[in-house]
Amino acid sequence: MDRYDFAILFLNSEGTDMQTRRWLRTSVLALGLAAASPALWAQEIVVSAAASLTNAFQAIGQAWEKANPGHRATFNFAASGALLAQMQQGAPVDVFASADQPTMDRAVAAKLVAAGSRSDFAKNELVLVVPAGSQATPGALADLAGPGYRRIAAGTPASVPVGRYTMDVIERAGLAAPLQPKWIYGESVRQVLDYVARGEVDAGFVYRTDALVKKDGTRVALVVPTPSPVTYPIARLAASRQAAAAQSFIAFVKAPQGQQILGSFGFSRP
C-alpha cells in the first residue's frame, strides 16, 4: 500500500475527525496530482548555496526558470559548513555552491559531489564594516584593538567561511590576543551583517557583496586583503535525481547571463 492508498483509507475511516479529514483531502489531492502528472515535478532542483549568494542566486533562479520553461529551482541558503552538514546527513540536494574552497573540498572527500562537476564561478572580497551612524571609522585593522571597539562581529570560524577568512587575517596581523575577548560570532555572514546594521556591534567582517545589501545600515571602513582569494565553487551532487537540470543550472550560472547577474550584485569573475 503506497502513501496515496493509505491516505484514502484513513480519509474514509469513521474515526477520523473533521479537521483531520480536511487536511487529508488536501494531501490526497496533492498526492493524486503528483501521481497522475509526475512530469510536473520532473525538473525541480534543490540548490544549497552560501548565505552571501542569497540575492544573486534568487535573481539567477528566476532567470534560469524563465529560460527553461518547466524547470524550477528551490533554494536553501545558510553558512557553507551548515549546508555541508545537512548534505552529509542525507538532505536531498542537487546543486551545492560554497563560499570557500575548503568546504567544497570536504564535500568532495565525502564523495557527495559528482566527479568532474566542480568549478569556480565567482569571486568576492573581505571588508570591515561599521554601523552607518558610527562616529568612528578604523583606518587600519590595528585600530580594532583600541577601546573604541568593544564588540566585533565575525562568522563562526568552524562553519562560516567568512569567519575563517577573518581569523586568518587577524592571526597574520598579530591581533589574535587583543581581539579575542571582543568577538561576537554569527551563524552566517548575513547574521554578522545584521549585527552591524542594527548597531549591536562596533564593527564586523563581511563580504563586499553583503555590504552592498545594506548600504543604508552599514559603511565599509576597510577592504581587507586575504592570503587566499575568496572564490566560490559550485558542483552537482552525486545523489542528484535531476542531473540534467542541475547541470543546466550550473551552466547558466557560469554563462554570460548568469555572470552578468552576479556582477550586478557585486561579484566578480573567478
C-alpha atoms as a PDB file:
ATOM      1  CA  MET A   1       0.000   0.000   0.000  1.00  0.00           C
ATOM      2  CA  ASP A   2       1.528   3.367  -1.025  1.00  0.00           C
ATOM      3  CA  ARG A   3       1.050   6.787   0.629  1.00  0.00           C
ATOM      4  CA  TYR A   4      -1.879   7.645  -1.661  1.00  0.00           C
ATOM      5  CA  ASP A   5      -3.809   4.432  -0.864  1.00  0.00           C
ATOM      6  CA  PHE A   6      -3.126   4.850   2.853  1.00  0.00           C
ATOM      7  CA  ALA A   7      -4.459   8.421   2.813  1.00  0.00           C
ATOM      8  CA  ILE A   8      -7.638   7.317   1.041  1.00  0.00           C
ATOM      9  CA  LEU A   9      -8.209   4.531   3.571  1.00  0.00           C
ATOM     10  CA  PHE A  10      -7.659   6.882   6.520  1.00  0.00           C
ATOM     11  CA  LEU A  11      -9.927   9.530   4.956  1.00  0.00           C
ATOM     12  CA  ASN A  12     -12.815   7.033   4.756  1.00  0.00           C
ATOM     13  CA  SER A  13     -12.337   5.838   8.333  1.00  0.00           C
ATOM     14  CA  GLU A  14     -15.296   6.608  10.625  1.00  0.00           C
ATOM     15  CA  GLY A  15     -12.976   7.622  13.453  1.00  0.00           C
ATOM     16  CA  THR A  16     -11.362  10.466  11.539  1.00  0.00           C
ATOM     17  CA  ASP A  17     -12.311  13.943  12.882  1.00  0.00           C
ATOM     18  CA  MET A  18     -13.384  16.806  10.612  1.00  0.00           C
ATOM     19  CA  GLN A  19     -10.136  18.800  10.848  1.00  0.00           C
ATOM     20  CA  THR A  20      -8.075  15.750  10.004  1.00  0.00           C
ATOM     21  CA  ARG A  21     -10.404  14.976   7.074  1.00  0.00           C
ATOM     22  CA  ARG A  22      -9.845  18.457   5.639  1.00  0.00           C
ATOM     23  CA  TRP A  23      -6.074  18.037   5.906  1.00  0.00           C
ATOM     24  CA  LEU A  24      -6.247  14.579   4.331  1.00  0.00           C
ATOM     25  CA  ARG A  25      -8.392  15.808   1.426  1.00  0.00           C
ATOM     26  CA  THR A  26      -5.707  18.390   0.636  1.00  0.00           C
ATOM     27  CA  SER A  27      -2.973  15.758   0.941  1.00  0.00           C
ATOM     28  CA  VAL A  28      -4.861  13.269  -1.233  1.00  0.00           C
ATOM     29  CA  LEU A  29      -5.372  15.908  -3.925  1.00  0.00           C
ATOM     30  CA  ALA A  30      -1.662  16.776  -3.897  1.00  0.00           C
ATOM     31  CA  LEU A  31      -0.612  13.128  -3.949  1.00  0.00           C
ATOM     32  CA  GLY A  32      -3.095  12.371  -6.704  1.00  0.00           C
ATOM     33  CA  LEU A  33      -1.824  15.201  -8.855  1.00  0.00           C
ATOM     34  CA  ALA A  34       1.756  14.120  -8.306  1.00  0.00           C
ATOM     35  CA  ALA A  35       0.903  10.525  -9.185  1.00  0.00           C
ATOM     36  CA  ALA A  36      -1.102  11.497 -12.230  1.00  0.00           C
ATOM     37  CA  SER A  37       1.382  14.072 -13.531  1.00  0.00           C
ATOM     38  CA  PRO A  38       4.926  13.120 -12.488  1.00  0.00           C
ATOM     39  CA  ALA A  39       6.317  15.294 -15.269  1.00  0.00           C
ATOM     40  CA  LEU A  40       5.146  18.379 -13.345  1.00  0.00           C
ATOM     41  CA  TRP A  41       7.847  17.687 -10.759  1.00  0.00           C
ATOM     42  CA  ALA A  42      10.477  16.161 -13.044  1.00  0.00           C
ATOM     43  CA  GLN A  43      12.552  19.320 -13.487  1.00  0.00           C
ATOM     44  CA  GLU A  44      12.601  20.711  -9.952  1.00  0.00           C
ATOM     45  CA  ILE A  45      16.042  21.026  -8.314  1.00  0.00           C
ATOM     46  CA  VAL A  46      17.200  21.962  -4.830  1.00  0.00           C
ATOM     47  CA  VAL A  47      20.151  24.348  -4.672  1.00  0.00           C
ATOM     48  CA  SER A  48      22.025  24.677  -1.370  1.00  0.00           C
ATOM     49  CA  ALA A  49      24.051  27.885  -1.528  1.00  0.00           C
ATOM     50  CA  ALA A  50      26.153  30.060   0.778  1.00  0.00           C
ATOM     51  CA  ALA A  51      24.209  32.825   2.541  1.00  0.00           C
ATOM     52  CA  SER A  52      26.196  35.521   0.737  1.00  0.00           C
ATOM     53  CA  LEU A  53      24.692  34.294  -2.545  1.00  0.00           C
ATOM     54  CA  THR A  54      21.082  34.817  -1.437  1.00  0.00           C
ATOM     55  CA  ASN A  55      20.109  37.836  -3.518  1.00  0.00           C
ATOM     56  CA  ALA A  56      22.196  36.961  -6.563  1.00  0.00           C
ATOM     57  CA  PHE A  57      21.021  33.338  -6.747  1.00  0.00           C
ATOM     58  CA  GLN A  58      17.382  34.289  -6.284  1.00  0.00           C
ATOM     59  CA  ALA A  59      17.718  36.525  -9.339  1.00  0.00           C
ATOM     60  CA  ILE A  60      19.619  33.841 -11.246  1.00  0.00           C
ATOM     61  CA  GLY A  61      16.966  31.286 -10.340  1.00  0.00           C
ATOM     62  CA  GLN A  62      14.223  33.443 -11.804  1.00  0.00           C
ATOM     63  CA  ALA A  63      16.207  33.996 -14.993  1.00  0.00           C
ATOM     64  CA  TRP A  64      17.044  30.281 -15.317  1.00  0.00           C
ATOM     65  CA  GLU A  65      13.396  29.279 -14.869  1.00  0.00           C
ATOM     66  CA  LYS A  66      12.339  31.819 -17.486  1.00  0.00           C
ATOM     67  CA  ALA A  67      14.939  30.495 -19.935  1.00  0.00           C
ATOM     68  CA  ASN A  68      13.976  26.880 -19.203  1.00  0.00           C
ATOM     69  CA  PRO A  69      10.167  26.512 -19.069  1.00  0.00           C
ATOM     70  CA  GLY A  70       9.091  23.648 -16.838  1.00  0.00           C
ATOM     71  CA  HIS A  71      12.180  23.949 -14.644  1.00  0.00           C
ATOM     72  CA  ARG A  72      12.123  25.156 -11.054  1.00  0.00           C
ATOM     73  CA  ALA A  73      14.864  25.920  -8.539  1.00  0.00           C
ATOM     74  CA  THR A  74      14.226  25.769  -4.800  1.00  0.00           C
ATOM     75  CA  PHE A  75      16.939  27.424  -2.707  1.00  0.00           C
ATOM     76  CA  ASN A  76      18.352  26.661   0.721  1.00  0.00           C
ATOM     77  CA  PHE A  77      20.661  29.449   1.945  1.00  0.00           C
ATOM     78  CA  ALA A  78      22.888  29.093   5.008  1.00  0.00           C
ATOM     79  CA  ALA A  79      26.531  29.043   6.065  1.00  0.00           C
ATOM     80  CA  SER A  80      28.539  26.717   3.819  1.00  0.00           C
ATOM     81  CA  GLY A  81      29.552  24.482   6.718  1.00  0.00           C
ATOM     82  CA  ALA A  82      25.946  24.081   7.847  1.00  0.00           C
ATOM     83  CA  LEU A  83      24.892  23.154   4.309  1.00  0.00           C
ATOM     84  CA  LEU A  84      27.633  20.534   4.137  1.00  0.00           C
ATOM     85  CA  ALA A  85      26.445  19.029   7.426  1.00  0.00           C
ATOM     86  CA  GLN A  86      22.905  18.821   6.056  1.00  0.00           C
ATOM     87  CA  MET A  87      24.081  17.000   2.941  1.00  0.00           C
ATOM     88  CA  GLN A  88      26.185  14.598   4.997  1.00  0.00           C
ATOM     89  CA  GLN A  89      23.029  13.756   6.942  1.00  0.00           C
ATOM     90  CA  GLY A  90      21.158  12.914   3.739  1.00  0.00           C
ATOM     91  CA  ALA A  91      19.417  16.164   2.791  1.00  0.00           C
ATOM     92  CA  PRO A  92      18.174  15.894  -0.832  1.00  0.00           C
ATOM     93  CA  VAL A  93      20.269  18.434  -2.750  1.00  0.00           C
ATOM     94  CA  ASP A  94      21.042  18.717  -6.469  1.00  0.00           C
ATOM     95  CA  VAL A  95      23.493  21.652  -6.576  1.00  0.00           C
ATOM     96  CA  PHE A  96      25.899  22.934  -3.916  1.00  0.00           C
ATOM     97  CA  ALA A  97      27.543  26.376  -4.077  1.00  0.00           C
ATOM     98  CA  SER A  98      30.073  27.133  -1.338  1.00  0.00           C
ATOM     99  CA  ALA A  99      31.665  30.424  -0.288  1.00  0.00           C
ATOM    100  CA  ASP A 100      35.067  28.792   0.045  1.00  0.00           C
ATOM    101  CA  GLN A 101      37.223  26.002  -1.333  1.00  0.00           C
ATOM    102  CA  PRO A 102      37.849  24.008   1.910  1.00  0.00           C
ATOM    103  CA  THR A 103      34.134  23.302   2.405  1.00  0.00           C
ATOM    104  CA  MET A 104      33.816  22.046  -1.162  1.00  0.00           C
ATOM    105  CA  ASP A 105      36.992  20.007  -0.625  1.00  0.00           C
ATOM    106  CA  ARG A 106      35.256  18.256   2.273  1.00  0.00           C
ATOM    107  CA  ALA A 107      32.191  17.600   0.151  1.00  0.00           C
ATOM    108  CA  VAL A 108      34.412  16.011  -2.499  1.00  0.00           C
ATOM    109  CA  ALA A 109      36.272  13.951   0.123  1.00  0.00           C
ATOM    110  CA  ALA A 110      32.924  12.672   1.432  1.00  0.00           C
ATOM    111  CA  LYS A 111      32.022  11.623  -2.143  1.00  0.00           C
ATOM    112  CA  LEU A 112      28.971  13.885  -2.148  1.00  0.00           C
ATOM    113  CA  VAL A 113      29.972  15.669  -5.349  1.00  0.00           C
ATOM    114  CA  ALA A 114      29.622  14.210  -8.833  1.00  0.00           C
ATOM    115  CA  ALA A 115      33.041  13.674 -10.390  1.00  0.00           C
ATOM    116  CA  GLY A 116      34.065  16.375 -12.853  1.00  0.00           C
ATOM    117  CA  SER A 117      31.189  18.732 -11.972  1.00  0.00           C
ATOM    118  CA  ARG A 118      33.088  21.126  -9.704  1.00  0.00           C
ATOM    119  CA  SER A 119      34.161  24.541 -10.964  1.00  0.00           C
ATOM    120  CA  ASP A 120      34.631  28.123  -9.720  1.00  0.00           C
ATOM    121  CA  PHE A 121      32.052  30.704 -10.743  1.00  0.00           C
ATOM    122  CA  ALA A 122      32.556  33.890  -8.683  1.00  0.00           C
ATOM    123  CA  LYS A 123      34.966  35.917  -6.595  1.00  0.00           C
ATOM    124  CA  ASN A 124      34.451  38.224  -3.625  1.00  0.00           C
ATOM    125  CA  GLU A 125      36.370  40.398  -1.141  1.00  0.00           C
ATOM    126  CA  LEU A 126      36.509  40.596   2.631  1.00  0.00           C
ATOM    127  CA  VAL A 127      35.621  44.002   4.086  1.00  0.00           C
ATOM    128  CA  LEU A 128      35.328  45.545   7.528  1.00  0.00           C
ATOM    129  CA  VAL A 129      32.050  47.406   8.041  1.00  0.00           C
ATOM    130  CA  VAL A 130      30.785  49.689  10.798  1.00  0.00           C
ATOM    131  CA  PRO A 131      27.245  50.896  11.548  1.00  0.00           C
ATOM    132  CA  ALA A 132      26.198  53.705   9.215  1.00  0.00           C
ATOM    133  CA  GLY A 133      25.767  56.068  12.156  1.00  0.00           C
ATOM    134  CA  SER A 134      29.106  55.269  13.753  1.00  0.00           C
ATOM    135  CA  GLN A 135      31.178  58.299  14.727  1.00  0.00           C
ATOM    136  CA  ALA A 136      34.455  56.384  14.360  1.00  0.00           C
ATOM    137  CA  THR A 137      35.974  54.660  11.356  1.00  0.00           C
ATOM    138  CA  PRO A 138      39.024  52.397  11.773  1.00  0.00           C
ATOM    139  CA  GLY A 139      41.854  53.348   9.458  1.00  0.00           C
ATOM    140  CA  ALA A 140      43.658  50.041   9.942  1.00  0.00           C
ATOM    141  CA  LEU A 141      42.969  46.632  11.466  1.00  0.00           C
ATOM    142  CA  ALA A 142      45.175  47.516  14.438  1.00  0.00           C
ATOM    143  CA  ASP A 143      42.659  50.206  15.433  1.00  0.00           C
ATOM    144  CA  LEU A 144      40.231  47.444  16.421  1.00  0.00           C
ATOM    145  CA  ALA A 145      42.413  46.710  19.444  1.00  0.00           C
ATOM    146  CA  GLY A 146      41.607  50.155  20.842  1.00  0.00           C
ATOM    147  CA  PRO A 147      38.904  50.939  23.436  1.00  0.00           C
ATOM    148  CA  GLY A 148      36.537  52.337  20.820  1.00  0.00           C
ATOM    149  CA  TYR A 149      35.791  48.851  19.511  1.00  0.00           C
ATOM    150  CA  ARG A 150      34.429  46.641  22.272  1.00  0.00           C
ATOM    151  CA  ARG A 151      32.289  44.259  20.218  1.00  0.00           C
ATOM    152  CA  ILE A 152      33.391  42.965  16.804  1.00  0.00           C
ATOM    153  CA  ALA A 153      31.322  40.514  14.761  1.00  0.00           C
ATOM    154  CA  ALA A 154      32.610  37.679  12.606  1.00  0.00           C
ATOM    155  CA  GLY A 155      31.274  34.407  11.286  1.00  0.00           C
ATOM    156  CA  THR A 156      31.778  31.315  13.428  1.00  0.00           C
ATOM    157  CA  PRO A 157      35.125  30.073  12.055  1.00  0.00           C
ATOM    158  CA  ALA A 158      34.236  26.384  12.315  1.00  0.00           C
ATOM    159  CA  SER A 159      31.289  26.619   9.922  1.00  0.00           C
ATOM    160  CA  VAL A 160      31.188  30.060   8.265  1.00  0.00           C
ATOM    161  CA  PRO A 161      33.818  30.701   5.570  1.00  0.00           C
ATOM    162  CA  VAL A 162      33.894  34.465   6.137  1.00  0.00           C
ATOM    163  CA  GLY A 163      34.845  33.700   9.737  1.00  0.00           C
ATOM    164  CA  ARG A 164      37.800  31.567   8.627  1.00  0.00           C
ATOM    165  CA  TYR A 165      38.990  34.258   6.238  1.00  0.00           C
ATOM    166  CA  THR A 166      38.670  36.796   9.065  1.00  0.00           C
ATOM    167  CA  MET A 167      40.601  34.782  11.636  1.00  0.00           C
ATOM    168  CA  ASP A 168      43.357  34.025   9.142  1.00  0.00           C
ATOM    169  CA  VAL A 169      43.825  37.750   8.517  1.00  0.00           C
ATOM    170  CA  ILE A 170      43.667  38.618  12.218  1.00  0.00           C
ATOM    171  CA  GLU A 171      46.246  35.993  13.179  1.00  0.00           C
ATOM    172  CA  ARG A 172      48.630  37.095  10.434  1.00  0.00           C
ATOM    173  CA  ALA A 173      48.252  40.695  11.651  1.00  0.00           C
ATOM    174  CA  GLY A 174      49.233  39.654  15.185  1.00  0.00           C
ATOM    175  CA  LEU A 175      45.879  40.740  16.601  1.00  0.00           C
ATOM    176  CA  ALA A 176      44.505  37.398  17.798  1.00  0.00           C
ATOM    177  CA  ALA A 177      45.209  38.010  21.505  1.00  0.00           C
ATOM    178  CA  PRO A 178      43.923  41.604  21.868  1.00  0.00           C
ATOM    179  CA  LEU A 179      40.755  40.897  19.857  1.00  0.00           C
ATOM    180  CA  GLN A 180      39.934  37.510  21.404  1.00  0.00           C
ATOM    181  CA  PRO A 181      37.556  38.876  24.101  1.00  0.00           C
ATOM    182  CA  LYS A 182      35.777  41.167  21.636  1.00  0.00           C
ATOM    183  CA  TRP A 183      34.362  38.620  19.188  1.00  0.00           C
ATOM    184  CA  ILE A 184      30.623  38.206  18.688  1.00  0.00           C
ATOM    185  CA  TYR A 185      30.070  35.242  16.365  1.00  0.00           C
ATOM    186  CA  GLY A 186      27.308  34.898  13.783  1.00  0.00           C
ATOM    187  CA  GLU A 187      25.975  31.691  12.252  1.00  0.00           C
ATOM    188  CA  SER A 188      26.157  33.180   8.748  1.00  0.00           C
ATOM    189  CA  VAL A 189      27.633  36.225   7.057  1.00  0.00           C
ATOM    190  CA  ARG A 190      24.145  37.747   6.854  1.00  0.00           C
ATOM    191  CA  GLN A 191      23.747  37.450  10.615  1.00  0.00           C
ATOM    192  CA  VAL A 192      27.039  39.319  11.055  1.00  0.00           C
ATOM    193  CA  LEU A 193      25.755  41.976   8.659  1.00  0.00           C
ATOM    194  CA  ASP A 194      22.546  42.311  10.699  1.00  0.00           C
ATOM    195  CA  TYR A 195      24.517  42.753  13.917  1.00  0.00           C
ATOM    196  CA  VAL A 196      26.372  45.678  12.381  1.00  0.00           C
ATOM    197  CA  ALA A 197      23.343  47.246  10.678  1.00  0.00           C
ATOM    198  CA  ARG A 198      21.389  47.187  13.967  1.00  0.00           C
ATOM    199  CA  GLY A 199      24.302  48.747  15.847  1.00  0.00           C
ATOM    200  CA  GLU A 200      24.662  45.746  18.147  1.00  0.00           C
ATOM    201  CA  VAL A 201      28.407  45.635  17.473  1.00  0.00           C
ATOM    202  CA  ASP A 202      31.008  48.305  16.733  1.00  0.00           C
ATOM    203  CA  ALA A 203      32.333  46.626  13.576  1.00  0.00           C
ATOM    204  CA  GLY A 204      32.072  43.384  11.634  1.00  0.00           C
ATOM    205  CA  PHE A 205      33.735  41.386   8.877  1.00  0.00           C
ATOM    206  CA  VAL A 206      31.569  40.524   5.860  1.00  0.00           C
ATOM    207  CA  TYR A 207      31.940  40.168   2.105  1.00  0.00           C
ATOM    208  CA  ARG A 208      31.834  43.219  -0.113  1.00  0.00           C
ATOM    209  CA  THR A 209      28.653  41.928  -1.759  1.00  0.00           C
ATOM    210  CA  ASP A 210      26.909  41.717   1.620  1.00  0.00           C
ATOM    211  CA  ALA A 211      27.862  45.279   2.473  1.00  0.00           C
ATOM    212  CA  LEU A 212      26.043  46.345  -0.695  1.00  0.00           C
ATOM    213  CA  VAL A 213      22.847  44.688   0.523  1.00  0.00           C
ATOM    214  CA  LYS A 214      22.536  47.055   3.494  1.00  0.00           C
ATOM    215  CA  LYS A 215      24.182  50.244   2.314  1.00  0.00           C
ATOM    216  CA  ASP A 216      21.786  52.314   4.428  1.00  0.00           C
ATOM    217  CA  GLY A 217      22.707  50.499   7.630  1.00  0.00           C
ATOM    218  CA  THR A 218      26.418  49.886   7.226  1.00  0.00           C
ATOM    219  CA  ARG A 219      29.517  51.625   5.928  1.00  0.00           C
ATOM    220  CA  VAL A 220      32.645  49.979   4.529  1.00  0.00           C
ATOM    221  CA  ALA A 221      35.660  51.048   6.562  1.00  0.00           C
ATOM    222  CA  LEU A 222      38.338  48.833   5.039  1.00  0.00           C
ATOM    223  CA  VAL A 223      38.830  46.389   2.217  1.00  0.00           C
ATOM    224  CA  VAL A 224      40.763  43.553   3.862  1.00  0.00           C
ATOM    225  CA  PRO A 225      43.181  41.584   1.634  1.00  0.00           C
ATOM    226  CA  THR A 226      43.090  37.834   2.302  1.00  0.00           C
ATOM    227  CA  PRO A 227      46.040  35.415   1.941  1.00  0.00           C
ATOM    228  CA  SER A 228      43.965  33.251  -0.401  1.00  0.00           C
ATOM    229  CA  PRO A 229      41.357  34.656  -2.801  1.00  0.00           C
ATOM    230  CA  VAL A 230      37.679  34.458  -1.851  1.00  0.00           C
ATOM    231  CA  THR A 231      36.435  32.215  -4.646  1.00  0.00           C
ATOM    232  CA  TYR A 232      33.148  30.336  -4.884  1.00  0.00           C
ATOM    233  CA  PRO A 233      32.959  26.769  -6.249  1.00  0.00           C
ATOM    234  CA  ILE A 234      29.773  25.073  -7.465  1.00  0.00           C
ATOM    235  CA  ALA A 235      29.081  21.396  -8.127  1.00  0.00           C
ATOM    236  CA  ARG A 236      26.367  18.844  -8.836  1.00  0.00           C
ATOM    237  CA  LEU A 237      25.647  16.331  -6.114  1.00  0.00           C
ATOM    238  CA  ALA A 238      26.351  12.692  -6.895  1.00  0.00           C
ATOM    239  CA  ALA A 239      22.968  11.693  -5.451  1.00  0.00           C
ATOM    240  CA  SER A 240      21.008  14.195  -7.555  1.00  0.00           C
ATOM    241  CA  ARG A 241      17.950  12.702  -9.237  1.00  0.00           C
ATOM    242  CA  GLN A 242      17.818  15.623 -11.650  1.00  0.00           C
ATOM    243  CA  ALA A 243      21.331  15.527 -13.028  1.00  0.00           C
ATOM    244  CA  ALA A 244      20.493  17.170 -16.346  1.00  0.00           C
ATOM    245  CA  ALA A 245      18.554  20.034 -14.759  1.00  0.00           C
ATOM    246  CA  ALA A 246      21.260  20.503 -12.099  1.00  0.00           C
ATOM    247  CA  GLN A 247      23.954  20.692 -14.754  1.00  0.00           C
ATOM    248  CA  SER A 248      21.801  23.131 -16.713  1.00  0.00           C
ATOM    249  CA  PHE A 249      21.602  25.431 -13.687  1.00  0.00           C
ATOM    250  CA  ILE A 250      25.371  25.289 -13.149  1.00  0.00           C
ATOM    251  CA  ALA A 251      25.969  26.074 -16.826  1.00  0.00           C
ATOM    252  CA  PHE A 252      23.586  29.043 -16.579  1.00  0.00           C
ATOM    253  CA  VAL A 253      25.426  30.430 -13.530  1.00  0.00           C
ATOM    254  CA  LYS A 254      28.698  30.345 -15.469  1.00  0.00           C
ATOM    255  CA  ALA A 255      27.233  31.606 -18.756  1.00  0.00           C
ATOM    256  CA  PRO A 256      27.256  35.322 -19.715  1.00  0.00           C
ATOM    257  CA  GLN A 257      23.737  35.974 -18.400  1.00  0.00           C
ATOM    258  CA  GLY A 258      24.469  34.363 -15.051  1.00  0.00           C
ATOM    259  CA  GLN A 259      27.784  36.190 -14.746  1.00  0.00           C
ATOM    260  CA  GLN A 260      26.097  39.484 -15.577  1.00  0.00           C
ATOM    261  CA  ILE A 261      23.582  38.930 -12.778  1.00  0.00           C
ATOM    262  CA  LEU A 262      26.358  38.047 -10.342  1.00  0.00           C
ATOM    263  CA  GLY A 263      28.225  41.187 -11.394  1.00  0.00           C
ATOM    264  CA  SER A 264      25.164  43.323 -10.710  1.00  0.00           C
ATOM    265  CA  PHE A 265      25.306  42.118  -7.095  1.00  0.00           C
ATOM    266  CA  GLY A 266      28.986  42.950  -6.713  1.00  0.00           C
ATOM    267  CA  PHE A 267      30.609  39.597  -7.503  1.00  0.00           C
ATOM    268  CA  SER A 268      33.494  39.390  -9.947  1.00  0.00           C
ATOM    269  CA  ARG A 269      34.667  36.612 -12.242  1.00  0.00           C
ATOM    270  CA  PRO A 270      36.916  33.981 -10.635  1.00  0.00           C
END
